[in-house]
Amino acid sequence: MHESKDFQAHLPALKSLNAQVVGVSADKPESQIKFIEKYGLTYPMVSDTGKQVIGAYGARAVLGLAAKRSTFLIDPEGRVAHVWPYVKIDGHAEDVVNTIRELSVR
């Protein structure tokens, strides 16, 4: 929840860098809708109950029963530009913004 709210707070900075935020979770769509409404999220959430996307990105947690908290930065060509495999929530969205800034000046 805190991670989602943090990304929402950093959305203007991310948009100014032409970045889009998409949340992916194994939760059912009904749960996601309630979550989005409760926290006022304005970016899309994808329900991956079959864990196909989660598995494709190697983001399954121990025993594959859930998704581990990870962030993937995908470049405009669809390539993975950066991975945060184990996210520490505090300051994470700001770290993503700073990484995008660094990568965009290269």
N, C-alpha and C. Protein backbone atom coordinates (compact mmCIF):
# COMPACT_ATOMS: atom_id res chain seq x y z
N MET A 1 0.82 -1.18 0.00
CA MET A 1 0.00 0.00 0.00
C MET A 1 0.87 1.25 0.00
N HIS A 2 1.88 1.30 0.87
CA HIS A 2 2.74 2.49 0.95
C HIS A 2 3.50 2.71 -0.35
N GLU A 3 3.93 1.61 -0.97
CA GLU A 3 4.65 1.73 -2.24
C GLU A 3 3.75 2.35 -3.31
N SER A 4 2.51 1.89 -3.38
CA SER A 4 1.56 2.42 -4.36
C SER A 4 1.29 3.90 -4.13
N LYS A 5 1.10 4.29 -2.88
CA LYS A 5 0.87 5.70 -2.55
C LYS A 5 2.10 6.54 -2.88
N ASP A 6 3.28 5.99 -2.66
CA ASP A 6 4.52 6.71 -2.95
C ASP A 6 4.66 6.93 -4.46
N PHE A 7 4.34 5.90 -5.25
CA PHE A 7 4.39 6.08 -6.70
C PHE A 7 3.35 7.10 -7.16
N GLN A 8 2.18 7.09 -6.54
CA GLN A 8 1.15 8.08 -6.87
C GLN A 8 1.68 9.49 -6.58
N ALA A 9 2.33 9.67 -5.46
CA ALA A 9 2.88 10.98 -5.10
C ALA A 9 3.97 11.43 -6.07
N HIS A 10 4.71 10.49 -6.63
CA HIS A 10 5.79 10.82 -7.56
C HIS A 10 5.35 10.79 -9.02
N LEU A 11 4.06 10.57 -9.26
CA LEU A 11 3.56 10.47 -10.63
C LEU A 11 3.85 11.71 -11.47
N PRO A 12 3.68 12.94 -10.96
CA PRO A 12 4.02 14.11 -11.78
C PRO A 12 5.48 14.11 -12.24
N ALA A 13 6.40 13.77 -11.35
CA ALA A 13 7.82 13.72 -11.73
C ALA A 13 8.06 12.63 -12.77
N LEU A 14 7.42 11.49 -12.58
CA LEU A 14 7.58 10.39 -13.53
C LEU A 14 7.02 10.76 -14.90
N LYS A 15 5.85 11.39 -14.90
CA LYS A 15 5.25 11.80 -16.17
C LYS A 15 6.12 12.84 -16.87
N SER A 16 6.75 13.73 -16.10
CA SER A 16 7.62 14.75 -16.71
C SER A 16 8.83 14.11 -17.39
N LEU A 17 9.14 12.88 -17.00
CA LEU A 17 10.25 12.13 -17.61
C LEU A 17 9.73 11.16 -18.67
N ASN A 18 8.47 11.32 -19.06
CA ASN A 18 7.81 10.44 -20.03
C ASN A 18 7.76 8.99 -19.57
N ALA A 19 7.68 8.79 -18.27
CA ALA A 19 7.59 7.44 -17.71
C ALA A 19 6.13 7.15 -17.35
N GLN A 20 5.77 5.90 -17.47
CA GLN A 20 4.43 5.45 -17.09
C GLN A 20 4.57 4.45 -15.96
N VAL A 21 3.64 4.47 -15.04
CA VAL A 21 3.61 3.52 -13.94
C VAL A 21 2.48 2.53 -14.20
N VAL A 22 2.79 1.25 -14.07
CA VAL A 22 1.79 0.19 -14.15
C VAL A 22 2.05 -0.75 -12.99
N GLY A 23 1.05 -0.95 -12.16
CA GLY A 23 1.18 -1.89 -11.06
C GLY A 23 0.69 -3.26 -11.48
N VAL A 24 1.40 -4.30 -11.09
CA VAL A 24 1.00 -5.67 -11.39
C VAL A 24 0.96 -6.44 -10.08
N SER A 25 -0.14 -7.15 -9.86
CA SER A 25 -0.23 -7.98 -8.66
C SER A 25 -1.04 -9.23 -8.98
N ALA A 26 -0.93 -10.21 -8.10
CA ALA A 26 -1.68 -11.45 -8.26
C ALA A 26 -3.08 -11.35 -7.68
N ASP A 27 -3.46 -10.17 -7.24
CA ASP A 27 -4.79 -9.97 -6.66
C ASP A 27 -5.86 -10.02 -7.74
N LYS A 28 -7.06 -10.39 -7.34
CA LYS A 28 -8.20 -10.41 -8.26
C LYS A 28 -8.59 -8.98 -8.62
N PRO A 29 -9.17 -8.80 -9.81
CA PRO A 29 -9.56 -7.45 -10.24
C PRO A 29 -10.45 -6.72 -9.23
N GLU A 30 -11.36 -7.44 -8.59
CA GLU A 30 -12.25 -6.80 -7.62
C GLU A 30 -11.46 -6.20 -6.46
N SER A 31 -10.45 -6.92 -6.01
CA SER A 31 -9.59 -6.42 -4.92
C SER A 31 -8.81 -5.21 -5.38
N GLN A 32 -8.31 -5.26 -6.61
CA GLN A 32 -7.54 -4.13 -7.13
C GLN A 32 -8.40 -2.88 -7.26
N ILE A 33 -9.64 -3.05 -7.72
CA ILE A 33 -10.53 -1.89 -7.86
C ILE A 33 -10.74 -1.23 -6.50
N LYS A 34 -10.99 -2.02 -5.48
CA LYS A 34 -11.17 -1.47 -4.13
C LYS A 34 -9.91 -0.76 -3.66
N PHE A 35 -8.74 -1.36 -3.93
CA PHE A 35 -7.45 -0.79 -3.55
C PHE A 35 -7.24 0.55 -4.26
N ILE A 36 -7.49 0.58 -5.57
CA ILE A 36 -7.33 1.80 -6.36
C ILE A 36 -8.23 2.91 -5.82
N GLU A 37 -9.48 2.56 -5.55
CA GLU A 37 -10.42 3.56 -5.04
C GLU A 37 -10.05 4.02 -3.64
N LYS A 38 -9.64 3.10 -2.78
CA LYS A 38 -9.30 3.45 -1.40
C LYS A 38 -8.13 4.43 -1.34
N TYR A 39 -7.12 4.22 -2.20
CA TYR A 39 -5.92 5.04 -2.14
C TYR A 39 -5.84 6.10 -3.24
N GLY A 40 -6.89 6.23 -4.05
CA GLY A 40 -6.93 7.28 -5.06
C GLY A 40 -5.86 7.16 -6.12
N LEU A 41 -5.53 5.94 -6.50
CA LEU A 41 -4.49 5.74 -7.51
C LEU A 41 -5.02 6.11 -8.89
N THR A 42 -4.19 6.76 -9.68
CA THR A 42 -4.60 7.17 -11.03
C THR A 42 -3.81 6.46 -12.12
N TYR A 43 -2.94 5.56 -11.73
CA TYR A 43 -2.21 4.78 -12.73
C TYR A 43 -2.81 3.38 -12.81
N PRO A 44 -2.63 2.68 -13.93
CA PRO A 44 -3.27 1.38 -14.11
C PRO A 44 -2.66 0.28 -13.25
N MET A 45 -3.54 -0.63 -12.87
CA MET A 45 -3.13 -1.84 -12.15
C MET A 45 -3.55 -3.03 -13.01
N VAL A 46 -2.68 -4.03 -13.10
CA VAL A 46 -2.95 -5.23 -13.88
C VAL A 46 -3.10 -6.40 -12.92
N SER A 47 -4.19 -7.15 -13.10
CA SER A 47 -4.42 -8.34 -12.30
C SER A 47 -3.78 -9.53 -13.00
N ASP A 48 -2.84 -10.16 -12.33
CA ASP A 48 -2.12 -11.31 -12.89
C ASP A 48 -2.34 -12.52 -11.99
N THR A 49 -3.61 -12.92 -11.85
CA THR A 49 -3.93 -14.02 -10.94
C THR A 49 -3.27 -15.33 -11.36
N GLY A 50 -3.01 -15.51 -12.65
CA GLY A 50 -2.32 -16.71 -13.13
C GLY A 50 -0.81 -16.61 -13.00
N LYS A 51 -0.33 -15.45 -12.59
CA LYS A 51 1.09 -15.17 -12.36
C LYS A 51 1.96 -15.37 -13.61
N GLN A 52 1.37 -15.14 -14.79
CA GLN A 52 2.14 -15.27 -16.03
C GLN A 52 3.15 -14.14 -16.18
N VAL A 53 2.71 -12.91 -15.96
CA VAL A 53 3.61 -11.76 -16.05
C VAL A 53 4.63 -11.82 -14.92
N ILE A 54 4.13 -12.10 -13.72
CA ILE A 54 5.01 -12.20 -12.55
C ILE A 54 6.10 -13.24 -12.79
N GLY A 55 5.72 -14.39 -13.33
CA GLY A 55 6.69 -15.45 -13.62
C GLY A 55 7.65 -15.07 -14.73
N ALA A 56 7.14 -14.40 -15.77
CA ALA A 56 7.99 -14.01 -16.90
C ALA A 56 9.10 -13.06 -16.47
N TYR A 57 8.82 -12.24 -15.46
CA TYR A 57 9.82 -11.29 -14.97
C TYR A 57 10.60 -11.82 -13.77
N GLY A 58 10.36 -13.08 -13.42
CA GLY A 58 11.10 -13.68 -12.30
C GLY A 58 10.77 -13.05 -10.97
N ALA A 59 9.54 -12.61 -10.81
CA ALA A 59 9.16 -11.90 -9.59
C ALA A 59 8.32 -12.76 -8.64
N ARG A 60 8.40 -14.06 -8.79
CA ARG A 60 7.67 -14.93 -7.86
C ARG A 60 8.43 -15.00 -6.54
N ALA A 61 7.67 -15.02 -5.47
CA ALA A 61 8.26 -15.14 -4.13
C ALA A 61 8.54 -16.61 -3.84
N VAL A 62 9.00 -16.88 -2.66
CA VAL A 62 9.34 -18.24 -2.23
C VAL A 62 8.17 -19.17 -2.52
N LEU A 63 8.47 -20.32 -3.08
CA LEU A 63 7.49 -21.35 -3.45
C LEU A 63 6.56 -20.92 -4.57
N GLY A 64 6.74 -19.74 -5.12
CA GLY A 64 5.92 -19.29 -6.24
C GLY A 64 4.48 -18.97 -5.88
N LEU A 65 4.18 -18.86 -4.59
CA LEU A 65 2.80 -18.65 -4.16
C LEU A 65 2.35 -17.20 -4.26
N ALA A 66 3.27 -16.29 -4.29
CA ALA A 66 2.93 -14.86 -4.35
C ALA A 66 3.99 -14.16 -5.19
N ALA A 67 3.84 -12.87 -5.33
CA ALA A 67 4.83 -12.07 -6.05
C ALA A 67 5.70 -11.35 -5.04
N LYS A 68 7.01 -11.31 -5.33
CA LYS A 68 7.88 -10.51 -4.46
C LYS A 68 7.82 -9.07 -4.95
N ARG A 69 7.99 -8.16 -4.05
CA ARG A 69 7.93 -6.74 -4.37
C ARG A 69 9.15 -6.37 -5.20
N SER A 70 8.93 -6.11 -6.48
CA SER A 70 10.00 -5.80 -7.42
C SER A 70 9.55 -4.66 -8.33
N THR A 71 10.51 -3.97 -8.91
CA THR A 71 10.21 -2.93 -9.89
C THR A 71 11.08 -3.14 -11.11
N PHE A 72 10.46 -2.99 -12.28
CA PHE A 72 11.16 -3.15 -13.54
C PHE A 72 10.98 -1.88 -14.36
N LEU A 73 12.09 -1.33 -14.82
CA LEU A 73 12.06 -0.16 -15.68
C LEU A 73 12.21 -0.66 -17.11
N ILE A 74 11.19 -0.45 -17.92
CA ILE A 74 11.18 -0.90 -19.30
C ILE A 74 11.41 0.31 -20.19
N ASP A 75 12.38 0.21 -21.11
CA ASP A 75 12.68 1.34 -21.98
C ASP A 75 11.68 1.41 -23.14
N PRO A 76 11.73 2.49 -23.93
CA PRO A 76 10.75 2.65 -25.02
C PRO A 76 10.77 1.52 -26.05
N GLU A 77 11.87 0.79 -26.14
CA GLU A 77 11.96 -0.33 -27.08
C GLU A 77 11.46 -1.64 -26.46
N GLY A 78 11.00 -1.57 -25.22
CA GLY A 78 10.46 -2.76 -24.56
C GLY A 78 11.50 -3.61 -23.85
N ARG A 79 12.71 -3.09 -23.71
CA ARG A 79 13.77 -3.82 -23.01
C ARG A 79 13.82 -3.43 -21.54
N VAL A 80 14.23 -4.37 -20.72
CA VAL A 80 14.39 -4.08 -19.29
C VAL A 80 15.66 -3.24 -19.13
N ALA A 81 15.49 -2.01 -18.67
CA ALA A 81 16.62 -1.08 -18.52
C ALA A 81 17.21 -1.12 -17.11
N HIS A 82 16.39 -1.48 -16.13
CA HIS A 82 16.86 -1.53 -14.74
C HIS A 82 15.89 -2.38 -13.93
N VAL A 83 16.43 -3.09 -12.94
CA VAL A 83 15.60 -3.93 -12.08
C VAL A 83 15.92 -3.63 -10.62
N TRP A 84 14.88 -3.52 -9.83
CA TRP A 84 14.98 -3.45 -8.38
C TRP A 84 14.36 -4.75 -7.88
N PRO A 85 15.16 -5.80 -7.64
CA PRO A 85 14.59 -7.11 -7.33
C PRO A 85 13.98 -7.23 -5.94
N TYR A 86 14.46 -6.49 -4.99
CA TYR A 86 13.93 -6.53 -3.63
C TYR A 86 13.72 -5.10 -3.17
N VAL A 87 12.51 -4.64 -3.25
CA VAL A 87 12.20 -3.24 -3.01
C VAL A 87 12.09 -2.94 -1.52
N LYS A 88 12.80 -1.90 -1.10
CA LYS A 88 12.59 -1.31 0.23
C LYS A 88 11.67 -0.13 -0.03
N ILE A 89 10.53 -0.13 0.58
CA ILE A 89 9.48 0.81 0.23
C ILE A 89 9.87 2.27 0.45
N ASP A 90 10.45 2.59 1.60
CA ASP A 90 10.79 3.98 1.89
C ASP A 90 11.80 4.51 0.89
N GLY A 91 11.41 5.54 0.16
CA GLY A 91 12.31 6.18 -0.79
C GLY A 91 12.42 5.48 -2.14
N HIS A 92 11.67 4.40 -2.33
CA HIS A 92 11.82 3.64 -3.57
C HIS A 92 11.36 4.42 -4.80
N ALA A 93 10.19 5.03 -4.74
CA ALA A 93 9.70 5.77 -5.90
C ALA A 93 10.66 6.90 -6.27
N GLU A 94 11.22 7.55 -5.28
CA GLU A 94 12.20 8.61 -5.55
C GLU A 94 13.45 8.04 -6.21
N ASP A 95 13.87 6.86 -5.78
CA ASP A 95 15.01 6.19 -6.40
C ASP A 95 14.71 5.87 -7.86
N VAL A 96 13.49 5.44 -8.15
CA VAL A 96 13.10 5.16 -9.53
C VAL A 96 13.18 6.43 -10.36
N VAL A 97 12.65 7.53 -9.84
CA VAL A 97 12.71 8.82 -10.55
C VAL A 97 14.17 9.20 -10.82
N ASN A 98 15.02 9.10 -9.82
CA ASN A 98 16.43 9.46 -9.99
C ASN A 98 17.13 8.56 -11.00
N THR A 99 16.81 7.28 -11.00
CA THR A 99 17.42 6.35 -11.96
C THR A 99 16.99 6.69 -13.38
N ILE A 100 15.73 7.01 -13.57
CA ILE A 100 15.25 7.40 -14.90
C ILE A 100 15.97 8.66 -15.35
N ARG A 101 16.14 9.62 -14.45
CA ARG A 101 16.88 10.85 -14.80
C ARG A 101 18.31 10.52 -15.24
N GLU A 102 18.97 9.67 -14.46
CA GLU A 102 20.35 9.29 -14.79
C GLU A 102 20.43 8.59 -16.14
N LEU A 103 19.52 7.67 -16.39
CA LEU A 103 19.55 6.93 -17.65
C LEU A 103 19.20 7.81 -18.84
N SER A 104 18.39 8.84 -18.62
CA SER A 104 17.98 9.68 -19.74
C SER A 104 19.06 10.65 -20.18
N VAL A 105 20.08 10.88 -19.36
CA VAL A 105 21.18 11.77 -19.76
C VAL A 105 22.32 11.01 -20.41
N ARG A 106 22.23 9.72 -20.43
CA ARG A 106 23.29 8.92 -21.08
C ARG A 106 23.14 8.93 -22.57
